Structures are given as structure tokens and as C-alpha cells.
């Protein structure tokens, strides 16, 4: 009897209708919000990674600006630069 009265209650039906509308049909429904939260978490992870990489690159750049030996090592390793009287052999493993 109580369940029948509850189902016939217009306020109860309105609340259920609004709930269903917000859960499935609204522009900001539950599933969209879930995807948005997951995307936000991924972007925050990416942001932390890139901030760490920027700090690492700043340290390396400062080291290259201040230390001539590290600048020469960097040029030799990354750009295969050499002195005039040297030969370079590059070994590539398969």
C-alpha cells in the first residue's frame, strides 16, 4: 500500500524524473563527468612529468653554460662533433 502511494505521488515522480534526466540525458551527465575526472587526473600526471622534465633540462642547460667540458661532451655525444685531427666511429647495435 505504501509503495503504491509513493509511486502515485507527483513529487516523488518529479524527483525520480529529474534524477533520471540528470543521470543520463543532461549535457553534464554522470558518464561525462566520470570521463572528465579521469581526463583531469591524466592531465595532472602529465603536468607533473613535464614540470620535472623542465627542471631537469634547466639544470642540464645551466651545466652546459658553466662547464666547458660538459659542453664538449654534449656536442660529441649528441651531434657527433669532432676535432680536426680525430676520426669518429659510430657503432650501431641491431
PDB file of N, CA and C in Angstrom:
ATOM      1  N   UNK A   1       0.817  -1.193   0.000  1.00  0.00           N
ATOM      2  CA  UNK A   1       0.000   0.000   0.000  1.00  0.00           C
ATOM      3  C   UNK A   1       0.865   1.263   0.000  1.00  0.00           C
ATOM      4  N   UNK A   2       1.910   1.252   0.866  1.00  0.00           N
ATOM      5  CA  UNK A   2       2.784   2.421   0.944  1.00  0.00           C
ATOM      6  C   UNK A   2       3.516   2.652  -0.377  1.00  0.00           C
ATOM      7  N   UNK A   3       3.965   1.565  -1.006  1.00  0.00           N
ATOM      8  CA  UNK A   3       4.677   1.658  -2.284  1.00  0.00           C
ATOM      9  C   UNK A   3       3.769   2.206  -3.371  1.00  0.00           C
ATOM     10  N   UNK A   4       2.527   1.828  -3.384  1.00  0.00           N
ATOM     11  CA  UNK A   4       1.571   2.325  -4.366  1.00  0.00           C
ATOM     12  C   UNK A   4       1.334   3.820  -4.181  1.00  0.00           C
ATOM     13  N   UNK A   5       1.221   4.261  -2.928  1.00  0.00           N
ATOM     14  CA  UNK A   5       1.063   5.696  -2.656  1.00  0.00           C
ATOM     15  C   UNK A   5       2.304   6.474  -3.087  1.00  0.00           C
ATOM     16  N   UNK A   6       3.478   5.879  -2.825  1.00  0.00           N
ATOM     17  CA  UNK A   6       4.730   6.544  -3.189  1.00  0.00           C
ATOM     18  C   UNK A   6       4.848   6.687  -4.705  1.00  0.00           C
ATOM     19  N   UNK A   7       4.455   5.668  -5.451  1.00  0.00           N
ATOM     20  CA  UNK A   7       4.535   5.716  -6.913  1.00  0.00           C
ATOM     21  C   UNK A   7       3.544   6.725  -7.484  1.00  0.00           C
ATOM     22  N   UNK A   8       2.414   6.904  -6.850  1.00  0.00           N
ATOM     23  CA  UNK A   8       1.412   7.853  -7.342  1.00  0.00           C
ATOM     24  C   UNK A   8       1.692   9.288  -6.903  1.00  0.00           C
ATOM     25  N   UNK A   9       2.631   9.472  -6.000  1.00  0.00           N
ATOM     26  CA  UNK A   9       2.956  10.806  -5.501  1.00  0.00           C
ATOM     27  C   UNK A   9       3.658  11.601  -6.602  1.00  0.00           C
ATOM     28  N   UNK A  10       3.113  12.777  -6.934  1.00  0.00           N
ATOM     29  CA  UNK A  10       3.667  13.568  -8.037  1.00  0.00           C
ATOM     30  C   UNK A  10       5.046  14.136  -7.696  1.00  0.00           C
ATOM     31  N   UNK A  11       5.313  14.408  -6.441  1.00  0.00           N
ATOM     32  CA  UNK A  11       6.627  14.924  -6.056  1.00  0.00           C
ATOM     33  C   UNK A  11       7.697  13.842  -6.182  1.00  0.00           C
ATOM     34  N   UNK A  12       7.352  12.640  -5.769  1.00  0.00           N
ATOM     35  CA  UNK A  12       8.270  11.517  -5.901  1.00  0.00           C
ATOM     36  C   UNK A  12       8.584  11.247  -7.373  1.00  0.00           C
ATOM     37  N   UNK A  13       7.560  11.263  -8.207  1.00  0.00           N
ATOM     38  CA  UNK A  13       7.769  11.039  -9.642  1.00  0.00           C
ATOM     39  C   UNK A  13       8.616  12.149 -10.256  1.00  0.00           C
ATOM     40  N   UNK A  14       8.402  13.381  -9.801  1.00  0.00           N
ATOM     41  CA  UNK A  14       9.194  14.507 -10.306  1.00  0.00           C
ATOM     42  C   UNK A  14      10.663  14.350  -9.912  1.00  0.00           C
ATOM     43  N   UNK A  15      10.912  13.987  -8.670  1.00  0.00           N
ATOM     44  CA  UNK A  15      12.293  13.793  -8.213  1.00  0.00           C
ATOM     45  C   UNK A  15      12.955  12.653  -8.983  1.00  0.00           C
ATOM     46  N   UNK A  16      12.257  11.554  -9.181  1.00  0.00           N
ATOM     47  CA  UNK A  16      12.810  10.435  -9.954  1.00  0.00           C
ATOM     48  C   UNK A  16      13.068  10.863 -11.394  1.00  0.00           C
ATOM     49  N   UNK A  17      12.143  11.621 -11.976  1.00  0.00           N
ATOM     50  CA  UNK A  17      12.324  12.096 -13.350  1.00  0.00           C
ATOM     51  C   UNK A  17      13.535  13.006 -13.478  1.00  0.00           C
ATOM     52  N   UNK A  18      13.695  13.931 -12.545  1.00  0.00           N
ATOM     53  CA  UNK A  18      14.856  14.840 -12.579  1.00  0.00           C
ATOM     54  C   UNK A  18      16.142  14.041 -12.387  1.00  0.00           C
ATOM     55  N   UNK A  19      16.127  13.093 -11.482  1.00  0.00           N
ATOM     56  CA  UNK A  19      17.305  12.262 -11.243  1.00  0.00           C
ATOM     57  C   UNK A  19      17.701  11.485 -12.499  1.00  0.00           C
ATOM     58  N   UNK A  20      16.720  10.874 -13.149  1.00  0.00           N
ATOM     59  CA  UNK A  20      16.992  10.122 -14.380  1.00  0.00           C
ATOM     60  C   UNK A  20      17.497  11.060 -15.474  1.00  0.00           C
ATOM     61  N   UNK A  21      16.878  12.229 -15.567  1.00  0.00           N
ATOM     62  CA  UNK A  21      17.315  13.204 -16.565  1.00  0.00           C
ATOM     63  C   UNK A  21      18.770  13.617 -16.337  1.00  0.00           C
ATOM     64  N   UNK A  22      19.107  13.921 -15.100  1.00  0.00           N
ATOM     65  CA  UNK A  22      20.474  14.342 -14.793  1.00  0.00           C
ATOM     66  C   UNK A  22      21.476  13.194 -14.950  1.00  0.00           C
ATOM     67  N   UNK A  23      21.028  11.977 -14.679  1.00  0.00           N
ATOM     68  CA  UNK A  23      21.937  10.840 -14.759  1.00  0.00           C
ATOM     69  C   UNK A  23      22.255  10.447 -16.200  1.00  0.00           C
ATOM     70  N   UNK A  24      21.292  10.545 -17.100  1.00  0.00           N
ATOM     71  CA  UNK A  24      21.501  10.018 -18.450  1.00  0.00           C
ATOM     72  C   UNK A  24      21.435  11.043 -19.576  1.00  0.00           C
ATOM     73  N   UNK A  25      20.556  12.048 -19.496  1.00  0.00           N
ATOM     74  CA  UNK A  25      20.269  12.863 -20.664  1.00  0.00           C
ATOM     75  C   UNK A  25      20.866  14.262 -20.639  1.00  0.00           C
ATOM     76  N   UNK A  26      21.259  14.749 -19.520  1.00  0.00           N
ATOM     77  CA  UNK A  26      21.772  16.112 -19.420  1.00  0.00           C
ATOM     78  C   UNK A  26      23.139  16.220 -20.100  1.00  0.00           C
ATOM     79  N   UNK A  27      23.509  17.441 -20.465  1.00  0.00           N
ATOM     80  CA  UNK A  27      24.806  17.680 -21.096  1.00  0.00           C
ATOM     81  C   UNK A  27      25.948  17.275 -20.157  1.00  0.00           C
ATOM     82  N   UNK A  28      25.771  17.464 -18.878  1.00  0.00           N
ATOM     83  CA  UNK A  28      26.777  17.120 -17.884  1.00  0.00           C
ATOM     84  C   UNK A  28      26.352  15.881 -17.099  1.00  0.00           C
ATOM     85  N   UNK A  29      25.996  14.823 -17.818  1.00  0.00           N
ATOM     86  CA  UNK A  29      25.513  13.617 -17.149  1.00  0.00           C
ATOM     87  C   UNK A  29      26.646  12.922 -16.390  1.00  0.00           C
ATOM     88  N   UNK A  30      26.283  11.876 -15.680  1.00  0.00           N
ATOM     89  CA  UNK A  30      27.218  11.162 -14.815  1.00  0.00           C
ATOM     90  C   UNK A  30      28.401  10.608 -15.604  1.00  0.00           C
ATOM     91  N   UNK A  31      28.154  10.033 -16.749  1.00  0.00           N
ATOM     92  CA  UNK A  31      29.210   9.392 -17.526  1.00  0.00           C
ATOM     93  C   UNK A  31      30.196  10.419 -18.088  1.00  0.00           C
ATOM     94  N   UNK A  32      29.675  11.558 -18.512  1.00  0.00           N
ATOM     95  CA  UNK A  32      30.547  12.632 -18.999  1.00  0.00           C
ATOM     96  C   UNK A  32      31.420  13.157 -17.866  1.00  0.00           C
ATOM     97  N   UNK A  33      30.833  13.312 -16.702  1.00  0.00           N
ATOM     98  CA  UNK A  33      31.601  13.785 -15.547  1.00  0.00           C
ATOM     99  C   UNK A  33      32.699  12.782 -15.179  1.00  0.00           C
ATOM    100  N   UNK A  34      32.394  11.497 -15.244  1.00  0.00           N
ATOM    101  CA  UNK A  34      33.380  10.462 -14.940  1.00  0.00           C
ATOM    102  C   UNK A  34      34.556  10.534 -15.922  1.00  0.00           C
ATOM    103  N   UNK A  35      34.264  10.660 -17.200  1.00  0.00           N
ATOM    104  CA  UNK A  35      35.319  10.774 -18.204  1.00  0.00           C
ATOM    105  C   UNK A  35      36.140  12.042 -17.998  1.00  0.00           C
ATOM    106  N   UNK A  36      35.485  13.127 -17.644  1.00  0.00           N
ATOM    107  CA  UNK A  36      36.173  14.389 -17.426  1.00  0.00           C
ATOM    108  C   UNK A  36      37.118  14.297 -16.230  1.00  0.00           C
ATOM    109  N   UNK A  37      36.679  13.653 -15.170  1.00  0.00           N
ATOM    110  CA  UNK A  37      37.536  13.492 -13.992  1.00  0.00           C
ATOM    111  C   UNK A  37      38.746  12.630 -14.324  1.00  0.00           C
ATOM    112  N   UNK A  38      38.549  11.562 -15.071  1.00  0.00           N
ATOM    113  CA  UNK A  38      39.682  10.717 -15.474  1.00  0.00           C
ATOM    114  C   UNK A  38      40.651  11.473 -16.371  1.00  0.00           C
ATOM    115  N   UNK A  39      40.123  12.282 -17.275  1.00  0.00           N
ATOM    116  CA  UNK A  39      40.978  13.078 -18.148  1.00  0.00           C
ATOM    117  C   UNK A  39      41.782  14.098 -17.343  1.00  0.00           C
ATOM    118  N   UNK A  40      41.148  14.686 -16.342  1.00  0.00           N
ATOM    119  CA  UNK A  40      41.825  15.648 -15.481  1.00  0.00           C
ATOM    120  C   UNK A  40      42.961  14.988 -14.709  1.00  0.00           C
ATOM    121  N   UNK A  41      42.739  13.773 -14.197  1.00  0.00           N
ATOM    122  CA  UNK A  41      43.792  13.055 -13.484  1.00  0.00           C
ATOM    123  C   UNK A  41      44.977  12.778 -14.402  1.00  0.00           C
ATOM    124  N   UNK A  42      44.695  12.370 -15.640  1.00  0.00           N
ATOM    125  CA  UNK A  42      45.771  12.093 -16.594  1.00  0.00           C
ATOM    126  C   UNK A  42      46.541  13.366 -16.918  1.00  0.00           C
ATOM    127  N   UNK A  43      45.831  14.464 -17.095  1.00  0.00           N
ATOM    128  CA  UNK A  43      46.495  15.725 -17.404  1.00  0.00           C
ATOM    129  C   UNK A  43      47.360  16.208 -16.238  1.00  0.00           C
ATOM    130  N   UNK A  44      46.919  15.973 -15.014  1.00  0.00           N
ATOM    131  CA  UNK A  44      47.732  16.360 -13.854  1.00  0.00           C
ATOM    132  C   UNK A  44      48.999  15.518 -13.773  1.00  0.00           C
ATOM    133  N   UNK A  45      48.894  14.219 -14.112  1.00  0.00           N
ATOM    134  CA  UNK A  45      50.092  13.381 -14.164  1.00  0.00           C
ATOM    135  C   UNK A  45      51.053  13.892 -15.230  1.00  0.00           C
ATOM    136  N   UNK A  46      50.507  14.201 -16.402  1.00  0.00           N
ATOM    137  CA  UNK A  46      51.338  14.725 -17.484  1.00  0.00           C
ATOM    138  C   UNK A  46      51.990  16.039 -17.079  1.00  0.00           C
ATOM    139  N   UNK A  47      51.242  16.881 -16.397  1.00  0.00           N
ATOM    140  CA  UNK A  47      51.779  18.166 -15.961  1.00  0.00           C
ATOM    141  C   UNK A  47      52.956  17.959 -15.008  1.00  0.00           C
ATOM    142  N   UNK A  48      52.816  17.047 -14.057  1.00  0.00           N
ATOM    143  CA  UNK A  48      53.906  16.773 -13.116  1.00  0.00           C
ATOM    144  C   UNK A  48      55.130  16.240 -13.852  1.00  0.00           C
ATOM    145  N   UNK A  49      54.905  15.360 -14.830  1.00  0.00           N
ATOM    146  CA  UNK A  49      56.020  14.822 -15.610  1.00  0.00           C
ATOM    147  C   UNK A  49      56.744  15.936 -16.364  1.00  0.00           C
ATOM    148  N   UNK A  50      55.993  16.793 -17.025  1.00  0.00           N
ATOM    149  CA  UNK A  50      56.627  17.849 -17.813  1.00  0.00           C
ATOM    150  C   UNK A  50      57.302  18.897 -16.942  1.00  0.00           C
ATOM    151  N   UNK A  51      56.770  19.169 -15.777  1.00  0.00           N
ATOM    152  CA  UNK A  51      57.436  20.103 -14.863  1.00  0.00           C
ATOM    153  C   UNK A  51      58.780  19.530 -14.425  1.00  0.00           C
ATOM    154  N   UNK A  52      58.803  18.220 -14.124  1.00  0.00           N
ATOM    155  CA  UNK A  52      60.068  17.576 -13.748  1.00  0.00           C
ATOM    156  C   UNK A  52      61.056  17.602 -14.910  1.00  0.00           C
ATOM    157  N   UNK A  53      60.578  17.362 -16.114  1.00  0.00           N
ATOM    158  CA  UNK A  53      61.461  17.409 -17.289  1.00  0.00           C
ATOM    159  C   UNK A  53      62.011  18.820 -17.523  1.00  0.00           C
ATOM    160  N   UNK A  54      61.189  19.824 -17.319  1.00  0.00           N
ATOM    161  CA  UNK A  54      61.646  21.210 -17.491  1.00  0.00           C
ATOM    162  C   UNK A  54      62.739  21.530 -16.486  1.00  0.00           C
ATOM    163  N   UNK A  55      62.552  21.111 -15.234  1.00  0.00           N
ATOM    164  CA  UNK A  55      63.583  21.342 -14.214  1.00  0.00           C
ATOM    165  C   UNK A  55      64.873  20.613 -14.571  1.00  0.00           C
ATOM    166  N   UNK A  56      64.758  19.397 -15.049  1.00  0.00           N
ATOM    167  CA  UNK A  56      65.928  18.629 -15.449  1.00  0.00           C
ATOM    168  C   UNK A  56      66.652  19.316 -16.612  1.00  0.00           C
ATOM    169  N   UNK A  57      65.903  19.787 -17.587  1.00  0.00           N
ATOM    170  CA  UNK A  57      66.513  20.475 -18.730  1.00  0.00           C
ATOM    171  C   UNK A  57      67.162  21.789 -18.320  1.00  0.00           C
ATOM    172  N   UNK A  58      66.556  22.489 -17.364  1.00  0.00           N
ATOM    173  CA  UNK A  58      67.168  23.739 -16.875  1.00  0.00           C
ATOM    174  C   UNK A  58      68.513  23.462 -16.205  1.00  0.00           C
ATOM    175  N   UNK A  59      68.562  22.367 -15.405  1.00  0.00           N
ATOM    176  CA  UNK A  59      69.835  22.014 -14.758  1.00  0.00           C
ATOM    177  C   UNK A  59      70.885  21.654 -15.801  1.00  0.00           C
ATOM    178  N   UNK A  60      70.494  20.873 -16.788  1.00  0.00           N
ATOM    179  CA  UNK A  60      71.442  20.495 -17.837  1.00  0.00           C
ATOM    180  C   UNK A  60      71.914  21.710 -18.622  1.00  0.00           C
ATOM    181  N   UNK A  61      71.013  22.621 -18.922  1.00  0.00           N
ATOM    182  CA  UNK A  61      71.385  23.827 -19.654  1.00  0.00           C
ATOM    183  C   UNK A  61      72.355  24.681 -18.847  1.00  0.00           C
ATOM    184  N   UNK A  62      72.089  24.809 -17.555  1.00  0.00           N
ATOM    185  CA  UNK A  62      72.995  25.585 -16.704  1.00  0.00           C
ATOM    186  C   UNK A  62      74.363  24.920 -16.634  1.00  0.00           C
ATOM    187  N   UNK A  63      74.383  23.591 -16.574  1.00  0.00           N
ATOM    188  CA  UNK A  63      75.655  22.862 -16.577  1.00  0.00           C
ATOM    189  C   UNK A  63      76.399  23.083 -17.886  1.00  0.00           C
ATOM    190  N   UNK A  64      75.680  23.100 -18.999  1.00  0.00           N
ATOM    191  CA  UNK A  64      76.328  23.330 -20.298  1.00  0.00           C
ATOM    192  C   UNK A  64      76.854  24.750 -20.412  1.00  0.00           C
ATOM    193  N   UNK A  65      76.155  25.699 -19.821  1.00  0.00           N
ATOM    194  CA  UNK A  65      76.608  27.091 -19.884  1.00  0.00           C
ATOM    195  C   UNK A  65      77.841  27.336 -19.030  1.00  0.00           C
ATOM    196  N   UNK A  66      77.989  26.615 -17.931  1.00  0.00           N
ATOM    197  CA  UNK A  66      79.069  26.911 -16.994  1.00  0.00           C
ATOM    198  C   UNK A  66      80.280  25.997 -17.153  1.00  0.00           C
ATOM    199  N   UNK A  67      80.093  24.783 -17.624  1.00  0.00           N
ATOM    200  CA  UNK A  67      81.184  23.818 -17.684  1.00  0.00           C
ATOM    201  C   UNK A  67      81.533  23.513 -19.133  1.00  0.00           C
ATOM    202  N   UNK A  68      82.740  23.917 -19.528  1.00  0.00           N
ATOM    203  CA  UNK A  68      83.172  23.727 -20.912  1.00  0.00           C
ATOM    204  C   UNK A  68      83.353  22.245 -21.254  1.00  0.00           C
ATOM    205  N   UNK A  69      83.799  21.450 -20.287  1.00  0.00           N
ATOM    206  CA  UNK A  69      83.989  20.018 -20.545  1.00  0.00           C
ATOM    207  C   UNK A  69      82.650  19.321 -20.810  1.00  0.00           C
ATOM    208  N   UNK A  70      81.633  19.679 -20.058  1.00  0.00           N
ATOM    209  CA  UNK A  70      80.326  19.053 -20.299  1.00  0.00           C
ATOM    210  C   UNK A  70      79.731  19.515 -21.627  1.00  0.00           C
ATOM    211  N   UNK A  71      80.033  20.741 -22.029  1.00  0.00           N
ATOM    212  CA  UNK A  71      79.568  21.233 -23.334  1.00  0.00           C
ATOM    213  C   UNK A  71      80.217  20.433 -24.459  1.00  0.00           C
ATOM    214  N   UNK A  72      81.522  20.180 -24.320  1.00  0.00           N
ATOM    215  CA  UNK A  72      82.217  19.387 -25.334  1.00  0.00           C
ATOM    216  C   UNK A  72      81.667  17.953 -25.364  1.00  0.00           C
ATOM    217  N   UNK A  73      81.442  17.369 -24.197  1.00  0.00           N
ATOM    218  CA  UNK A  73      80.889  16.013 -24.128  1.00  0.00           C
ATOM    219  C   UNK A  73      79.506  15.960 -24.779  1.00  0.00           C
ATOM    220  N   UNK A  74      78.689  16.963 -24.505  1.00  0.00           N
ATOM    221  CA  UNK A  74      77.348  17.023 -25.091  1.00  0.00           C
ATOM    222  C   UNK A  74      77.430  17.117 -26.613  1.00  0.00           C
ATOM    223  N   UNK A  75      78.307  17.978 -27.120  1.00  0.00           N
ATOM    224  CA  UNK A  75      78.446  18.153 -28.567  1.00  0.00           C
ATOM    225  C   UNK A  75      78.936  16.868 -29.231  1.00  0.00           C
ATOM    226  N   UNK A  76      79.853  16.183 -28.589  1.00  0.00           N
ATOM    227  CA  UNK A  76      80.377  14.941 -29.165  1.00  0.00           C
ATOM    228  C   UNK A  76      79.318  13.833 -29.166  1.00  0.00           C
ATOM    229  N   UNK A  77      78.560  13.711 -28.070  1.00  0.00           N
ATOM    230  CA  UNK A  77      77.588  12.617 -27.964  1.00  0.00           C
ATOM    231  C   UNK A  77      76.334  12.864 -28.797  1.00  0.00           C
ATOM    232  N   UNK A  78      75.804  14.051 -28.736  1.00  0.00           N
ATOM    233  CA  UNK A  78      74.519  14.324 -29.389  1.00  0.00           C
ATOM    234  C   UNK A  78      74.660  14.693 -30.859  1.00  0.00           C
ATOM    235  N   UNK A  79      75.685  15.446 -31.194  1.00  0.00           N
ATOM    236  CA  UNK A  79      75.810  15.953 -32.552  1.00  0.00           C
ATOM    237  C   UNK A  79      76.991  15.364 -33.308  1.00  0.00           C
ATOM    238  N   UNK A  80      77.692  14.402 -32.689  1.00  0.00           N
ATOM    239  CA  UNK A  80      78.818  13.714 -33.316  1.00  0.00           C
ATOM    240  C   UNK A  80      79.879  14.685 -33.850  1.00  0.00           C
ATOM    241  N   UNK A  81      80.099  15.760 -33.107  1.00  0.00           N
ATOM    242  CA  UNK A  81      81.134  16.724 -33.488  1.00  0.00           C
ATOM    243  C   UNK A  81      82.498  16.151 -33.103  1.00  0.00           C
ATOM    244  N   UNK A  82      83.532  16.607 -33.823  1.00  0.00           N
ATOM    245  CA  UNK A  82      84.865  16.082 -33.563  1.00  0.00           C
ATOM    246  C   UNK A  82      85.884  17.190 -33.782  1.00  0.00           C
ATOM    247  N   UNK A  83      87.067  16.924 -33.281  1.00  0.00           N
ATOM    248  CA  UNK A  83      88.171  17.846 -33.532  1.00  0.00           C
ATOM    249  C   UNK A  83      88.735  17.540 -34.918  1.00  0.00           C
ATOM    250  N   UNK A  84      89.585  18.448 -35.453  1.00  0.00           N
ATOM    251  CA  UNK A  84      90.079  18.294 -36.816  1.00  0.00           C
ATOM    252  C   UNK A  84      90.935  17.044 -36.998  1.00  0.00           C
ATOM    253  N   UNK A  85      91.691  16.672 -35.994  1.00  0.00           N
ATOM    254  CA  UNK A  85      92.608  15.547 -36.150  1.00  0.00           C
ATOM    255  C   UNK A  85      92.027  14.234 -35.615  1.00  0.00           C
ATOM    256  N   UNK A  86      90.710  14.102 -35.506  1.00  0.00           N
ATOM    257  CA  UNK A  86      90.086  12.907 -34.963  1.00  0.00           C
ATOM    258  C   UNK A  86      89.205  12.215 -36.002  1.00  0.00           C
ATOM    259  N   UNK A  87      89.037  10.933 -35.823  1.00  0.00           N
ATOM    260  CA  UNK A  87      88.070  10.172 -36.604  1.00  0.00           C
ATOM    261  C   UNK A  87      87.021   9.632 -35.638  1.00  0.00           C
ATOM    262  N   UNK A  88      85.771   9.567 -36.098  1.00  0.00           N
ATOM    263  CA  UNK A  88      84.688   9.071 -35.254  1.00  0.00           C
ATOM    264  C   UNK A  88      84.152   7.792 -35.863  1.00  0.00           C
ATOM    265  N   UNK A  89      84.006   6.794 -35.013  1.00  0.00           N
ATOM    266  CA  UNK A  89      83.406   5.543 -35.417  1.00  0.00           C
ATOM    267  C   UNK A  89      82.127   5.373 -34.605  1.00  0.00           C
ATOM    268  N   UNK A  90      81.020   5.188 -35.302  1.00  0.00           N
ATOM    269  CA  UNK A  90      79.734   5.015 -34.643  1.00  0.00           C
ATOM    270  C   UNK A  90      79.320   3.563 -34.781  1.00  0.00           C
ATOM    271  N   UNK A  91      79.097   2.917 -33.638  1.00  0.00           N
ATOM    272  CA  UNK A  91      78.665   1.519 -33.631  1.00  0.00           C
ATOM    273  C   UNK A  91      77.178   1.490 -33.353  1.00  0.00           C
ATOM    274  N   UNK A  92      76.456   0.865 -34.257  1.00  0.00           N
ATOM    275  CA  UNK A  92      75.003   0.753 -34.106  1.00  0.00           C
ATOM    276  C   UNK A  92      74.676  -0.714 -33.888  1.00  0.00           C
ATOM    277  N   UNK A  93      74.021  -0.997 -32.771  1.00  0.00           N
ATOM    278  CA  UNK A  93      73.646  -2.388 -32.493  1.00  0.00           C
ATOM    279  C   UNK A  93      72.264  -2.662 -33.073  1.00  0.00           C
ATOM    280  N   UNK A  94      72.077  -3.881 -33.564  1.00  0.00           N
ATOM    281  CA  UNK A  94      70.790  -4.239 -34.175  1.00  0.00           C
ATOM    282  C   UNK A  94      69.940  -4.985 -33.195  1.00  0.00           C
TER     283      UNK A  94
END
